Amino acid sequence: MDKIKAIIFDMDGTLLDSLSVWADSDREFITGLGHYYDNRHSLAMKTMHFDSACEYLVQAFGLKLSAEETGTQILQIVEDKYLHGIDLKSGALEFVKTAHNKGIRMCVATSNKKKLAEDALKSHGLMEYMEFVLTSDEVGCGKESPLIFEKAAEMLGTKPCETAVFEDSIHAVNSAKKAGFYVVGVHDPLSENEFREIQKVADRTIRSFSELK
């Protein structure tokens, strides 16, 4: 990573140990309405951004709520978990501080909601090192397209070849790699099977940020 001038971080499962938050919140919401929720629903929504996932839940469970109402109630559950119930990935804060001291420009590109992402990053001491948060909603598509990474690099003022993308999802790793970014695959226990695929595609993979010096 010696030639890297900027870093684009994913948030959930990469900087924050938060992959279970959405599934747990969806489950809490759905079971609270008297429905049975299992992992196939989490898998179905894995690559969706938030609004699409809410629409999916309305259709899958025949909810009488609108997608917007569903989203509002789920976000209330999620926000509390993000601010009080999750930890940073091991070594993440130390790595970000070191990168900042080296003059590396950084941002977050996420499928999460912007305010929620910013609040979560602030509460864990990361936001002050990020130049901005860019969301899938803002670019109009999910990470199955490289557009969010390309837009982030443009805002950072760097070329893909001199920009590292840190991701824990294989579809995002594939997108970034095909667009010419230097890709670091980050291990998350909830995506163990994906990590094996990520190891085949990414330029480098890590199980902890402490591996990066």
N, C-alpha and C. Protein backbone atom coordinates (compact mmCIF):
# COMPACT_ATOMS: atom_id res chain seq x y z
N MET A 1 0.82 -1.22 0.00
CA MET A 1 0.00 0.00 0.00
C MET A 1 0.85 1.27 0.00
N ASP A 2 2.10 1.15 -0.34
CA ASP A 2 3.01 2.30 -0.26
C ASP A 2 2.62 3.44 -1.19
N LYS A 3 1.98 3.13 -2.32
CA LYS A 3 1.64 4.15 -3.30
C LYS A 3 0.21 4.69 -3.13
N ILE A 4 -0.46 4.25 -2.08
CA ILE A 4 -1.85 4.63 -1.86
C ILE A 4 -1.93 6.05 -1.30
N LYS A 5 -2.75 6.89 -1.93
CA LYS A 5 -2.91 8.28 -1.50
C LYS A 5 -4.24 8.51 -0.78
N ALA A 6 -5.18 7.58 -0.93
CA ALA A 6 -6.50 7.75 -0.31
C ALA A 6 -7.11 6.38 -0.02
N ILE A 7 -8.03 6.37 0.94
CA ILE A 7 -8.72 5.13 1.31
C ILE A 7 -10.22 5.38 1.36
N ILE A 8 -10.96 4.47 0.75
CA ILE A 8 -12.42 4.45 0.83
C ILE A 8 -12.81 3.26 1.70
N PHE A 9 -13.39 3.52 2.84
CA PHE A 9 -13.81 2.46 3.76
C PHE A 9 -15.30 2.16 3.61
N ASP A 10 -15.64 0.89 3.55
CA ASP A 10 -16.99 0.48 3.88
C ASP A 10 -17.13 0.64 5.40
N MET A 11 -18.35 0.69 5.91
CA MET A 11 -18.52 0.85 7.35
C MET A 11 -18.91 -0.46 8.03
N ASP A 12 -20.08 -1.00 7.70
CA ASP A 12 -20.60 -2.18 8.39
C ASP A 12 -19.81 -3.43 8.05
N GLY A 13 -19.25 -4.06 9.08
CA GLY A 13 -18.47 -5.27 8.86
C GLY A 13 -17.04 -4.99 8.48
N THR A 14 -16.71 -3.70 8.28
CA THR A 14 -15.35 -3.32 7.90
C THR A 14 -14.72 -2.47 9.00
N LEU A 15 -15.25 -1.28 9.24
CA LEU A 15 -14.78 -0.46 10.36
C LEU A 15 -15.50 -0.81 11.66
N LEU A 16 -16.79 -1.10 11.54
CA LEU A 16 -17.61 -1.41 12.72
C LEU A 16 -18.03 -2.87 12.71
N ASP A 17 -18.04 -3.46 13.88
CA ASP A 17 -18.47 -4.85 14.02
C ASP A 17 -20.00 -4.86 14.13
N SER A 18 -20.64 -4.52 13.01
CA SER A 18 -22.07 -4.20 13.04
C SER A 18 -22.94 -5.00 12.06
N LEU A 19 -22.38 -6.03 11.44
CA LEU A 19 -23.16 -6.74 10.43
C LEU A 19 -24.44 -7.35 11.00
N SER A 20 -24.40 -7.75 12.25
CA SER A 20 -25.57 -8.40 12.82
C SER A 20 -26.66 -7.41 13.21
N VAL A 21 -26.33 -6.10 13.25
CA VAL A 21 -27.28 -5.10 13.73
C VAL A 21 -28.55 -5.08 12.89
N TRP A 22 -28.39 -5.06 11.57
CA TRP A 22 -29.56 -4.96 10.70
C TRP A 22 -30.43 -6.20 10.78
N ALA A 23 -29.78 -7.37 10.71
CA ALA A 23 -30.55 -8.61 10.80
C ALA A 23 -31.25 -8.72 12.15
N ASP A 24 -30.53 -8.36 13.23
CA ASP A 24 -31.14 -8.42 14.56
C ASP A 24 -32.30 -7.44 14.68
N SER A 25 -32.14 -6.25 14.09
CA SER A 25 -33.20 -5.24 14.16
C SER A 25 -34.39 -5.64 13.30
N ASP A 26 -34.13 -6.16 12.12
CA ASP A 26 -35.21 -6.65 11.27
C ASP A 26 -35.97 -7.77 11.97
N ARG A 27 -35.21 -8.68 12.58
CA ARG A 27 -35.84 -9.81 13.28
C ARG A 27 -36.69 -9.32 14.45
N GLU A 28 -36.15 -8.39 15.21
CA GLU A 28 -36.87 -7.83 16.35
C GLU A 28 -38.16 -7.16 15.90
N PHE A 29 -38.08 -6.42 14.81
CA PHE A 29 -39.25 -5.72 14.27
C PHE A 29 -40.29 -6.71 13.75
N ILE A 30 -39.85 -7.67 12.93
CA ILE A 30 -40.77 -8.61 12.30
C ILE A 30 -41.41 -9.55 13.33
N THR A 31 -40.61 -10.08 14.25
CA THR A 31 -41.18 -10.98 15.26
C THR A 31 -42.12 -10.22 16.20
N GLY A 32 -41.84 -8.93 16.38
CA GLY A 32 -42.73 -8.11 17.20
C GLY A 32 -44.10 -7.95 16.59
N LEU A 33 -44.18 -8.15 15.28
CA LEU A 33 -45.46 -8.11 14.58
C LEU A 33 -46.10 -9.49 14.47
N GLY A 34 -45.47 -10.50 15.08
CA GLY A 34 -46.04 -11.84 15.11
C GLY A 34 -45.64 -12.74 13.95
N HIS A 35 -44.61 -12.37 13.18
CA HIS A 35 -44.16 -13.17 12.05
C HIS A 35 -42.89 -13.93 12.41
N TYR A 36 -42.60 -14.97 11.63
CA TYR A 36 -41.37 -15.75 11.82
C TYR A 36 -40.31 -15.23 10.85
N TYR A 37 -39.14 -14.92 11.38
CA TYR A 37 -38.04 -14.38 10.58
C TYR A 37 -36.87 -15.34 10.67
N ASP A 38 -36.28 -15.71 9.51
CA ASP A 38 -35.10 -16.56 9.55
C ASP A 38 -34.00 -16.00 8.65
N ASN A 39 -32.87 -16.69 8.60
CA ASN A 39 -31.69 -16.16 7.93
C ASN A 39 -31.85 -15.99 6.43
N ARG A 40 -32.78 -16.70 5.82
CA ARG A 40 -32.96 -16.54 4.37
C ARG A 40 -33.42 -15.13 4.03
N HIS A 41 -34.12 -14.50 4.95
CA HIS A 41 -34.53 -13.11 4.72
C HIS A 41 -33.32 -12.17 4.79
N SER A 42 -32.43 -12.42 5.74
CA SER A 42 -31.21 -11.61 5.83
C SER A 42 -30.37 -11.77 4.57
N LEU A 43 -30.25 -12.99 4.08
CA LEU A 43 -29.47 -13.25 2.86
C LEU A 43 -30.09 -12.56 1.65
N ALA A 44 -31.41 -12.57 1.59
CA ALA A 44 -32.10 -11.95 0.46
C ALA A 44 -31.86 -10.44 0.41
N MET A 45 -31.66 -9.84 1.57
CA MET A 45 -31.50 -8.38 1.65
C MET A 45 -30.05 -7.94 1.71
N LYS A 46 -29.11 -8.89 1.66
CA LYS A 46 -27.70 -8.58 1.91
C LYS A 46 -27.14 -7.51 0.99
N THR A 47 -27.50 -7.54 -0.29
CA THR A 47 -26.93 -6.58 -1.25
C THR A 47 -27.86 -5.38 -1.49
N MET A 48 -29.00 -5.32 -0.79
CA MET A 48 -29.96 -4.23 -1.00
C MET A 48 -29.59 -3.01 -0.17
N HIS A 49 -29.89 -1.83 -0.69
CA HIS A 49 -29.81 -0.67 0.19
C HIS A 49 -31.10 -0.59 1.00
N PHE A 50 -31.14 0.30 1.96
CA PHE A 50 -32.16 0.27 3.00
C PHE A 50 -33.59 0.34 2.46
N ASP A 51 -33.87 1.27 1.55
CA ASP A 51 -35.24 1.44 1.06
C ASP A 51 -35.73 0.19 0.34
N SER A 52 -34.86 -0.44 -0.43
CA SER A 52 -35.23 -1.67 -1.14
C SER A 52 -35.50 -2.80 -0.14
N ALA A 53 -34.69 -2.85 0.93
CA ALA A 53 -34.89 -3.88 1.95
C ALA A 53 -36.23 -3.70 2.65
N CYS A 54 -36.62 -2.47 2.89
CA CYS A 54 -37.93 -2.21 3.53
C CYS A 54 -39.07 -2.64 2.61
N GLU A 55 -38.93 -2.37 1.35
CA GLU A 55 -39.93 -2.81 0.37
C GLU A 55 -40.01 -4.33 0.34
N TYR A 56 -38.85 -4.98 0.42
CA TYR A 56 -38.82 -6.44 0.45
C TYR A 56 -39.58 -6.98 1.67
N LEU A 57 -39.34 -6.39 2.84
CA LEU A 57 -40.01 -6.86 4.05
C LEU A 57 -41.52 -6.70 3.96
N VAL A 58 -41.96 -5.58 3.41
CA VAL A 58 -43.40 -5.35 3.24
C VAL A 58 -44.01 -6.43 2.37
N GLN A 59 -43.34 -6.76 1.27
CA GLN A 59 -43.85 -7.76 0.34
C GLN A 59 -43.74 -9.17 0.92
N ALA A 60 -42.59 -9.48 1.51
CA ALA A 60 -42.34 -10.85 1.99
C ALA A 60 -43.27 -11.25 3.13
N PHE A 61 -43.63 -10.28 3.96
CA PHE A 61 -44.45 -10.59 5.14
C PHE A 61 -45.87 -10.04 5.04
N GLY A 62 -46.20 -9.45 3.89
CA GLY A 62 -47.54 -8.91 3.71
C GLY A 62 -47.90 -7.86 4.75
N LEU A 63 -46.94 -6.99 5.06
CA LEU A 63 -47.18 -6.00 6.11
C LEU A 63 -48.21 -4.96 5.68
N LYS A 64 -48.98 -4.49 6.63
CA LYS A 64 -49.95 -3.44 6.36
C LYS A 64 -49.31 -2.05 6.41
N LEU A 65 -48.08 -2.01 6.88
CA LEU A 65 -47.33 -0.77 6.90
C LEU A 65 -46.73 -0.48 5.53
N SER A 66 -46.48 0.78 5.23
CA SER A 66 -45.78 1.13 4.01
C SER A 66 -44.29 0.86 4.21
N ALA A 67 -43.53 0.88 3.11
CA ALA A 67 -42.08 0.70 3.21
C ALA A 67 -41.47 1.83 4.04
N GLU A 68 -42.00 3.03 3.88
CA GLU A 68 -41.48 4.18 4.65
C GLU A 68 -41.74 4.00 6.14
N GLU A 69 -42.95 3.57 6.49
CA GLU A 69 -43.29 3.35 7.90
C GLU A 69 -42.45 2.21 8.48
N THR A 70 -42.26 1.18 7.69
CA THR A 70 -41.41 0.06 8.12
C THR A 70 -40.00 0.54 8.41
N GLY A 71 -39.46 1.36 7.50
CA GLY A 71 -38.12 1.88 7.67
C GLY A 71 -37.98 2.74 8.91
N THR A 72 -38.96 3.56 9.18
CA THR A 72 -38.92 4.44 10.34
C THR A 72 -38.84 3.63 11.64
N GLN A 73 -39.63 2.56 11.72
CA GLN A 73 -39.65 1.76 12.94
C GLN A 73 -38.37 0.94 13.10
N ILE A 74 -37.85 0.43 11.99
CA ILE A 74 -36.61 -0.34 12.06
C ILE A 74 -35.45 0.58 12.44
N LEU A 75 -35.42 1.79 11.89
CA LEU A 75 -34.33 2.71 12.19
C LEU A 75 -34.29 3.09 13.67
N GLN A 76 -35.45 3.15 14.31
CA GLN A 76 -35.48 3.45 15.74
C GLN A 76 -34.76 2.36 16.53
N ILE A 77 -34.95 1.11 16.10
CA ILE A 77 -34.27 -0.01 16.76
C ILE A 77 -32.78 0.02 16.45
N VAL A 78 -32.47 0.25 15.17
CA VAL A 78 -31.09 0.24 14.70
C VAL A 78 -30.25 1.33 15.36
N GLU A 79 -30.80 2.53 15.45
CA GLU A 79 -30.03 3.67 15.98
C GLU A 79 -29.53 3.40 17.39
N ASP A 80 -30.38 2.83 18.21
CA ASP A 80 -29.97 2.54 19.58
C ASP A 80 -28.83 1.52 19.60
N LYS A 81 -28.91 0.50 18.73
CA LYS A 81 -27.86 -0.52 18.68
C LYS A 81 -26.53 0.09 18.20
N TYR A 82 -26.60 0.95 17.18
CA TYR A 82 -25.37 1.54 16.63
C TYR A 82 -24.65 2.41 17.64
N LEU A 83 -25.40 3.16 18.42
CA LEU A 83 -24.78 4.11 19.35
C LEU A 83 -24.37 3.46 20.67
N HIS A 84 -24.98 2.33 21.00
CA HIS A 84 -24.72 1.76 22.33
C HIS A 84 -24.38 0.28 22.34
N GLY A 85 -24.47 -0.40 21.20
CA GLY A 85 -24.36 -1.86 21.27
C GLY A 85 -23.34 -2.51 20.36
N ILE A 86 -22.46 -1.74 19.71
CA ILE A 86 -21.47 -2.34 18.83
C ILE A 86 -20.07 -1.81 19.12
N ASP A 87 -19.07 -2.55 18.62
CA ASP A 87 -17.68 -2.17 18.82
C ASP A 87 -17.01 -1.90 17.47
N LEU A 88 -15.87 -1.23 17.53
CA LEU A 88 -15.03 -1.08 16.35
C LEU A 88 -14.36 -2.41 16.03
N LYS A 89 -14.03 -2.61 14.76
CA LYS A 89 -13.21 -3.77 14.40
C LYS A 89 -11.83 -3.60 15.04
N SER A 90 -11.22 -4.72 15.38
CA SER A 90 -9.93 -4.71 16.06
C SER A 90 -8.88 -3.92 15.27
N GLY A 91 -8.29 -2.93 15.94
CA GLY A 91 -7.22 -2.14 15.34
C GLY A 91 -7.66 -1.06 14.39
N ALA A 92 -8.97 -0.90 14.18
CA ALA A 92 -9.47 0.03 13.17
C ALA A 92 -9.12 1.48 13.49
N LEU A 93 -9.38 1.91 14.72
CA LEU A 93 -9.12 3.30 15.08
C LEU A 93 -7.63 3.63 14.99
N GLU A 94 -6.80 2.73 15.45
CA GLU A 94 -5.36 2.95 15.41
C GLU A 94 -4.87 3.06 13.97
N PHE A 95 -5.39 2.20 13.10
CA PHE A 95 -5.00 2.25 11.69
C PHE A 95 -5.43 3.57 11.05
N VAL A 96 -6.65 3.99 11.32
CA VAL A 96 -7.16 5.24 10.75
C VAL A 96 -6.32 6.42 11.22
N LYS A 97 -5.96 6.45 12.49
CA LYS A 97 -5.13 7.53 13.01
C LYS A 97 -3.76 7.56 12.34
N THR A 98 -3.18 6.38 12.16
CA THR A 98 -1.87 6.29 11.50
C THR A 98 -1.95 6.77 10.06
N ALA A 99 -3.00 6.35 9.34
CA ALA A 99 -3.17 6.79 7.96
C ALA A 99 -3.35 8.30 7.88
N HIS A 100 -4.10 8.85 8.81
CA HIS A 100 -4.31 10.30 8.86
C HIS A 100 -2.99 11.03 9.07
N ASN A 101 -2.18 10.52 9.97
CA ASN A 101 -0.88 11.14 10.26
C ASN A 101 0.06 11.07 9.07
N LYS A 102 -0.15 10.12 8.19
CA LYS A 102 0.66 9.99 6.98
C LYS A 102 0.14 10.87 5.84
N GLY A 103 -0.96 11.56 6.07
CA GLY A 103 -1.52 12.42 5.05
C GLY A 103 -2.40 11.73 4.05
N ILE A 104 -2.84 10.51 4.35
CA ILE A 104 -3.73 9.77 3.47
C ILE A 104 -5.16 10.28 3.65
N ARG A 105 -5.79 10.64 2.55
CA ARG A 105 -7.16 11.14 2.61
C ARG A 105 -8.11 9.94 2.75
N MET A 106 -9.19 10.13 3.52
CA MET A 106 -10.08 9.01 3.81
C MET A 106 -11.55 9.43 3.78
N CYS A 107 -12.38 8.47 3.42
CA CYS A 107 -13.84 8.67 3.45
C CYS A 107 -14.50 7.33 3.71
N VAL A 108 -15.81 7.38 3.89
CA VAL A 108 -16.62 6.17 4.04
C VAL A 108 -17.64 6.12 2.91
N ALA A 109 -17.75 4.97 2.27
CA ALA A 109 -18.77 4.72 1.25
C ALA A 109 -19.64 3.57 1.75
N THR A 110 -20.91 3.84 1.98
CA THR A 110 -21.76 2.87 2.66
C THR A 110 -23.15 2.77 2.05
N SER A 111 -23.76 1.61 2.24
CA SER A 111 -25.15 1.42 1.86
C SER A 111 -26.09 1.83 2.99
N ASN A 112 -25.52 2.26 4.08
CA ASN A 112 -26.29 2.68 5.25
C ASN A 112 -26.89 4.07 5.02
N LYS A 113 -27.72 4.51 5.94
CA LYS A 113 -28.28 5.86 5.91
C LYS A 113 -27.22 6.87 6.34
N LYS A 114 -27.18 8.02 5.69
CA LYS A 114 -26.10 8.97 5.91
C LYS A 114 -26.02 9.44 7.36
N LYS A 115 -27.13 9.93 7.93
CA LYS A 115 -27.09 10.45 9.30
C LYS A 115 -26.72 9.35 10.29
N LEU A 116 -27.27 8.17 10.09
CA LEU A 116 -26.97 7.06 10.98
C LEU A 116 -25.48 6.72 10.90
N ALA A 117 -24.95 6.68 9.67
CA ALA A 117 -23.53 6.38 9.49
C ALA A 117 -22.66 7.44 10.15
N GLU A 118 -22.98 8.70 9.93
CA GLU A 118 -22.19 9.78 10.52
C GLU A 118 -22.25 9.74 12.04
N ASP A 119 -23.44 9.50 12.60
CA ASP A 119 -23.58 9.44 14.06
C ASP A 119 -22.79 8.27 14.64
N ALA A 120 -22.85 7.11 13.95
CA ALA A 120 -22.13 5.93 14.42
C ALA A 120 -20.62 6.17 14.38
N LEU A 121 -20.14 6.77 13.29
CA LEU A 121 -18.71 7.06 13.16
C LEU A 121 -18.25 8.07 14.21
N LYS A 122 -19.09 9.08 14.48
CA LYS A 122 -18.75 10.06 15.51
C LYS A 122 -18.67 9.41 16.88
N SER A 123 -19.63 8.55 17.19
CA SER A 123 -19.67 7.94 18.52
C SER A 123 -18.48 7.01 18.77
N HIS A 124 -17.85 6.54 17.69
CA HIS A 124 -16.69 5.66 17.83
C HIS A 124 -15.37 6.36 17.52
N GLY A 125 -15.41 7.70 17.40
CA GLY A 125 -14.20 8.47 17.23
C GLY A 125 -13.57 8.43 15.86
N LEU A 126 -14.32 8.04 14.84
CA LEU A 126 -13.78 7.89 13.49
C LEU A 126 -14.11 9.05 12.55
N MET A 127 -15.22 9.72 12.78
CA MET A 127 -15.71 10.71 11.82
C MET A 127 -14.73 11.86 11.63
N GLU A 128 -14.02 12.23 12.66
CA GLU A 128 -13.10 13.37 12.56
C GLU A 128 -11.96 13.12 11.57
N TYR A 129 -11.72 11.85 11.23
CA TYR A 129 -10.66 11.52 10.29
C TYR A 129 -11.16 11.34 8.86
N MET A 130 -12.48 11.34 8.68
CA MET A 130 -13.08 11.13 7.36
C MET A 130 -13.46 12.46 6.72
N GLU A 131 -13.18 12.61 5.45
CA GLU A 131 -13.53 13.85 4.76
C GLU A 131 -15.02 13.93 4.48
N PHE A 132 -15.64 12.78 4.27
CA PHE A 132 -17.08 12.75 4.02
C PHE A 132 -17.58 11.33 4.11
N VAL A 133 -18.90 11.20 4.17
CA VAL A 133 -19.60 9.91 4.04
C VAL A 133 -20.43 9.98 2.77
N LEU A 134 -20.27 8.99 1.90
CA LEU A 134 -21.04 8.90 0.66
C LEU A 134 -21.89 7.65 0.73
N THR A 135 -23.18 7.78 0.40
CA THR A 135 -24.10 6.64 0.52
C THR A 135 -24.60 6.15 -0.84
N SER A 136 -25.05 4.91 -0.84
CA SER A 136 -25.64 4.34 -2.05
C SER A 136 -26.86 5.13 -2.49
N ASP A 137 -27.62 5.64 -1.52
CA ASP A 137 -28.79 6.46 -1.86
C ASP A 137 -28.37 7.69 -2.66
N GLU A 138 -27.25 8.29 -2.30
CA GLU A 138 -26.80 9.51 -2.96
C GLU A 138 -26.34 9.27 -4.40
N VAL A 139 -25.77 8.09 -4.66
CA VAL A 139 -25.31 7.81 -6.03
C VAL A 139 -26.35 7.07 -6.85
N GLY A 140 -27.39 6.57 -6.18
CA GLY A 140 -28.50 5.96 -6.91
C GLY A 140 -28.37 4.49 -7.22
N CYS A 141 -27.40 3.80 -6.62
CA CYS A 141 -27.28 2.36 -6.84
C CYS A 141 -26.45 1.74 -5.73
N GLY A 142 -26.54 0.42 -5.62
CA GLY A 142 -25.78 -0.30 -4.61
C GLY A 142 -24.38 -0.60 -5.07
N LYS A 143 -23.66 -1.39 -4.27
CA LYS A 143 -22.25 -1.66 -4.55
C LYS A 143 -22.02 -2.79 -5.55
N GLU A 144 -23.10 -3.31 -6.12
CA GLU A 144 -22.93 -4.21 -7.25
C GLU A 144 -22.40 -3.45 -8.46
N SER A 145 -22.48 -2.11 -8.38
CA SER A 145 -21.90 -1.19 -9.36
C SER A 145 -20.72 -0.48 -8.70
N PRO A 146 -19.66 -0.15 -9.45
CA PRO A 146 -18.53 0.57 -8.86
C PRO A 146 -18.76 2.07 -8.73
N LEU A 147 -19.95 2.56 -9.07
CA LEU A 147 -20.19 4.00 -9.13
C LEU A 147 -19.89 4.69 -7.82
N ILE A 148 -20.26 4.11 -6.71
CA ILE A 148 -20.03 4.77 -5.42
C ILE A 148 -18.54 4.93 -5.14
N PHE A 149 -17.74 3.94 -5.54
CA PHE A 149 -16.29 4.04 -5.35
C PHE A 149 -15.68 5.07 -6.30
N GLU A 150 -16.16 5.08 -7.53
CA GLU A 150 -15.65 6.04 -8.52
C GLU A 150 -15.98 7.47 -8.11
N LYS A 151 -17.20 7.68 -7.60
CA LYS A 151 -17.60 9.01 -7.15
C LYS A 151 -16.79 9.43 -5.93
N ALA A 152 -16.56 8.51 -5.02
CA ALA A 152 -15.78 8.81 -3.82
C ALA A 152 -14.35 9.19 -4.18
N ALA A 153 -13.75 8.45 -5.11
CA ALA A 153 -12.38 8.75 -5.54
C ALA A 153 -12.32 10.12 -6.21
N GLU A 154 -13.33 10.42 -7.00
CA GLU A 154 -13.40 11.74 -7.64
C GLU A 154 -13.44 12.84 -6.59
N MET A 155 -14.24 12.64 -5.54
CA MET A 155 -14.34 13.64 -4.47
C MET A 155 -13.05 13.74 -3.66
N LEU A 156 -12.32 12.64 -3.56
CA LEU A 156 -11.05 12.65 -2.85
C LEU A 156 -9.92 13.21 -3.72
N GLY A 157 -10.14 13.25 -5.03
CA GLY A 157 -9.15 13.78 -5.94
C GLY A 157 -8.05 12.79 -6.29
N THR A 158 -8.37 11.48 -6.27
CA THR A 158 -7.38 10.46 -6.58
C THR A 158 -7.89 9.51 -7.66
N LYS A 159 -6.95 8.85 -8.34
CA LYS A 159 -7.28 7.85 -9.34
C LYS A 159 -7.55 6.51 -8.66
N PRO A 160 -8.33 5.63 -9.28
CA PRO A 160 -8.57 4.32 -8.67
C PRO A 160 -7.29 3.56 -8.33
N CYS A 161 -6.30 3.62 -9.19
CA CYS A 161 -5.06 2.87 -8.97
C CYS A 161 -4.27 3.35 -7.75
N GLU A 162 -4.54 4.55 -7.26
CA GLU A 162 -3.85 5.08 -6.09
C GLU A 162 -4.79 5.21 -4.89
N THR A 163 -5.93 4.51 -5.00
CA THR A 163 -6.96 4.55 -3.95
C THR A 163 -7.27 3.14 -3.48
N ALA A 164 -7.21 2.92 -2.18
CA ALA A 164 -7.55 1.62 -1.61
C ALA A 164 -9.02 1.59 -1.19
N VAL A 165 -9.67 0.48 -1.46
CA VAL A 165 -11.04 0.25 -1.01
C VAL A 165 -11.02 -0.90 0.00
N PHE A 166 -11.53 -0.65 1.20
CA PHE A 166 -11.63 -1.67 2.25
C PHE A 166 -13.07 -2.16 2.31
N GLU A 167 -13.27 -3.45 2.06
CA GLU A 167 -14.62 -4.01 1.99
C GLU A 167 -14.67 -5.41 2.58
N ASP A 168 -15.84 -5.80 3.07
CA ASP A 168 -16.03 -7.15 3.61
C ASP A 168 -17.00 -7.99 2.80
N SER A 169 -17.59 -7.42 1.73
CA SER A 169 -18.59 -8.14 0.92
C SER A 169 -18.03 -8.45 -0.46
N ILE A 170 -18.25 -9.65 -0.92
CA ILE A 170 -17.67 -10.09 -2.19
C ILE A 170 -18.21 -9.28 -3.37
N HIS A 171 -19.48 -8.91 -3.35
CA HIS A 171 -20.00 -8.15 -4.50
C HIS A 171 -19.35 -6.78 -4.59
N ALA A 172 -19.06 -6.16 -3.44
CA ALA A 172 -18.40 -4.86 -3.43
C ALA A 172 -16.92 -5.00 -3.80
N VAL A 173 -16.28 -6.05 -3.32
CA VAL A 173 -14.89 -6.33 -3.68
C VAL A 173 -14.76 -6.50 -5.19
N ASN A 174 -15.65 -7.27 -5.77
CA ASN A 174 -15.63 -7.49 -7.22
C ASN A 174 -15.79 -6.17 -7.98
N SER A 175 -16.74 -5.34 -7.55
CA SER A 175 -16.99 -4.07 -8.23
C SER A 175 -15.76 -3.16 -8.18
N ALA A 176 -15.19 -3.02 -6.99
CA ALA A 176 -14.04 -2.14 -6.83
C ALA A 176 -12.83 -2.65 -7.60
N LYS A 177 -12.61 -3.95 -7.56
CA LYS A 177 -11.46 -4.54 -8.25
C LYS A 177 -11.57 -4.33 -9.77
N LYS A 178 -12.76 -4.58 -10.32
CA LYS A 178 -12.95 -4.43 -11.75
C LYS A 178 -12.79 -2.98 -12.20
N ALA A 179 -13.03 -2.04 -11.28
CA ALA A 179 -12.90 -0.62 -11.61
C ALA A 179 -11.47 -0.11 -11.43
N GLY A 180 -10.55 -0.99 -11.04
CA GLY A 180 -9.15 -0.62 -10.97
C GLY A 180 -8.64 -0.14 -9.63
N PHE A 181 -9.42 -0.32 -8.57
CA PHE A 181 -8.99 0.08 -7.23
C PHE A 181 -8.08 -1.00 -6.61
N TYR A 182 -7.26 -0.57 -5.67
CA TYR A 182 -6.51 -1.51 -4.83
C TYR A 182 -7.47 -1.95 -3.73
N VAL A 183 -7.74 -3.22 -3.65
CA VAL A 183 -8.80 -3.71 -2.76
C VAL A 183 -8.23 -4.52 -1.59
N VAL A 184 -8.65 -4.12 -0.39
CA VAL A 184 -8.31 -4.86 0.82
C VAL A 184 -9.58 -5.51 1.35
N GLY A 185 -9.60 -6.82 1.37
CA GLY A 185 -10.74 -7.56 1.89
C GLY A 185 -10.64 -7.73 3.39
N VAL A 186 -11.68 -7.37 4.10
CA VAL A 186 -11.69 -7.42 5.57
C VAL A 186 -12.55 -8.58 6.04
N HIS A 187 -12.00 -9.40 6.89
CA HIS A 187 -12.72 -10.57 7.40
C HIS A 187 -13.80 -10.17 8.39
N ASP A 188 -14.95 -10.80 8.26
CA ASP A 188 -16.00 -10.69 9.28
C ASP A 188 -16.53 -12.09 9.55
N PRO A 189 -16.67 -12.48 10.81
CA PRO A 189 -17.12 -13.84 11.13
C PRO A 189 -18.47 -14.20 10.53
N LEU A 190 -19.33 -13.21 10.33
CA LEU A 190 -20.65 -13.49 9.77
C LEU A 190 -20.62 -13.70 8.26
N SER A 191 -19.45 -13.45 7.65
CA SER A 191 -19.32 -13.66 6.19
C SER A 191 -18.15 -14.58 5.89
N GLU A 192 -18.01 -15.61 6.68
CA GLU A 192 -16.86 -16.52 6.54
C GLU A 192 -16.77 -17.13 5.15
N ASN A 193 -17.89 -17.58 4.61
CA ASN A 193 -17.88 -18.19 3.28
C ASN A 193 -17.48 -17.18 2.21
N GLU A 194 -17.94 -15.96 2.35
CA GLU A 194 -17.57 -14.91 1.39
C GLU A 194 -16.09 -14.60 1.47
N PHE A 195 -15.50 -14.71 2.64
CA PHE A 195 -14.09 -14.35 2.79
C PHE A 195 -13.21 -15.24 1.94
N ARG A 196 -13.58 -16.49 1.79
CA ARG A 196 -12.81 -17.39 0.93
C ARG A 196 -12.81 -16.90 -0.51
N GLU A 197 -13.96 -16.38 -0.95
CA GLU A 197 -14.04 -15.82 -2.30
C GLU A 197 -13.29 -14.50 -2.40
N ILE A 198 -13.38 -13.71 -1.36
CA ILE A 198 -12.68 -12.42 -1.33
C ILE A 198 -11.18 -12.62 -1.44
N GLN A 199 -10.66 -13.66 -0.80
CA GLN A 199 -9.22 -13.94 -0.84
C GLN A 199 -8.74 -14.20 -2.26
N LYS A 200 -9.63 -14.67 -3.13
CA LYS A 200 -9.26 -14.96 -4.51
C LYS A 200 -9.23 -13.70 -5.38
N VAL A 201 -9.93 -12.65 -4.93
CA VAL A 201 -10.12 -11.46 -5.75
C VAL A 201 -9.32 -10.26 -5.26
N ALA A 202 -9.32 -10.03 -3.96
CA ALA A 202 -8.72 -8.82 -3.38
C ALA A 202 -7.20 -8.82 -3.53
N ASP A 203 -6.62 -7.63 -3.53
CA ASP A 203 -5.17 -7.50 -3.58
C ASP A 203 -4.53 -7.95 -2.27
N ARG A 204 -5.28 -7.75 -1.19
CA ARG A 204 -4.80 -8.16 0.13
C ARG A 204 -6.01 -8.43 1.00
N THR A 205 -5.89 -9.36 1.94
CA THR A 205 -6.97 -9.60 2.89
C THR A 205 -6.41 -9.54 4.30
N ILE A 206 -7.26 -9.12 5.23
CA ILE A 206 -6.85 -9.02 6.64
C ILE A 206 -7.95 -9.56 7.54
N ARG A 207 -7.55 -10.08 8.67
CA ARG A 207 -8.49 -10.47 9.71
C ARG A 207 -8.55 -9.44 10.82
N SER A 208 -7.57 -8.56 10.84
CA SER A 208 -7.51 -7.47 11.81
C SER A 208 -6.71 -6.33 11.21
N PHE A 209 -7.09 -5.10 11.53
CA PHE A 209 -6.35 -3.94 11.04
C PHE A 209 -4.93 -3.89 11.61
N SER A 210 -4.71 -4.60 12.71
CA SER A 210 -3.38 -4.61 13.31
C SER A 210 -2.36 -5.32 12.41
N GLU A 211 -2.84 -6.03 11.40
CA GLU A 211 -1.93 -6.69 10.44
C GLU A 211 -1.29 -5.66 9.50
N LEU A 212 -1.88 -4.48 9.42
CA LEU A 212 -1.38 -3.45 8.51
C LEU A 212 -0.45 -2.52 9.25
N LYS A 213 0.74 -2.38 8.76
CA LYS A 213 1.73 -1.53 9.40
C LYS A 213 2.07 -0.34 8.49
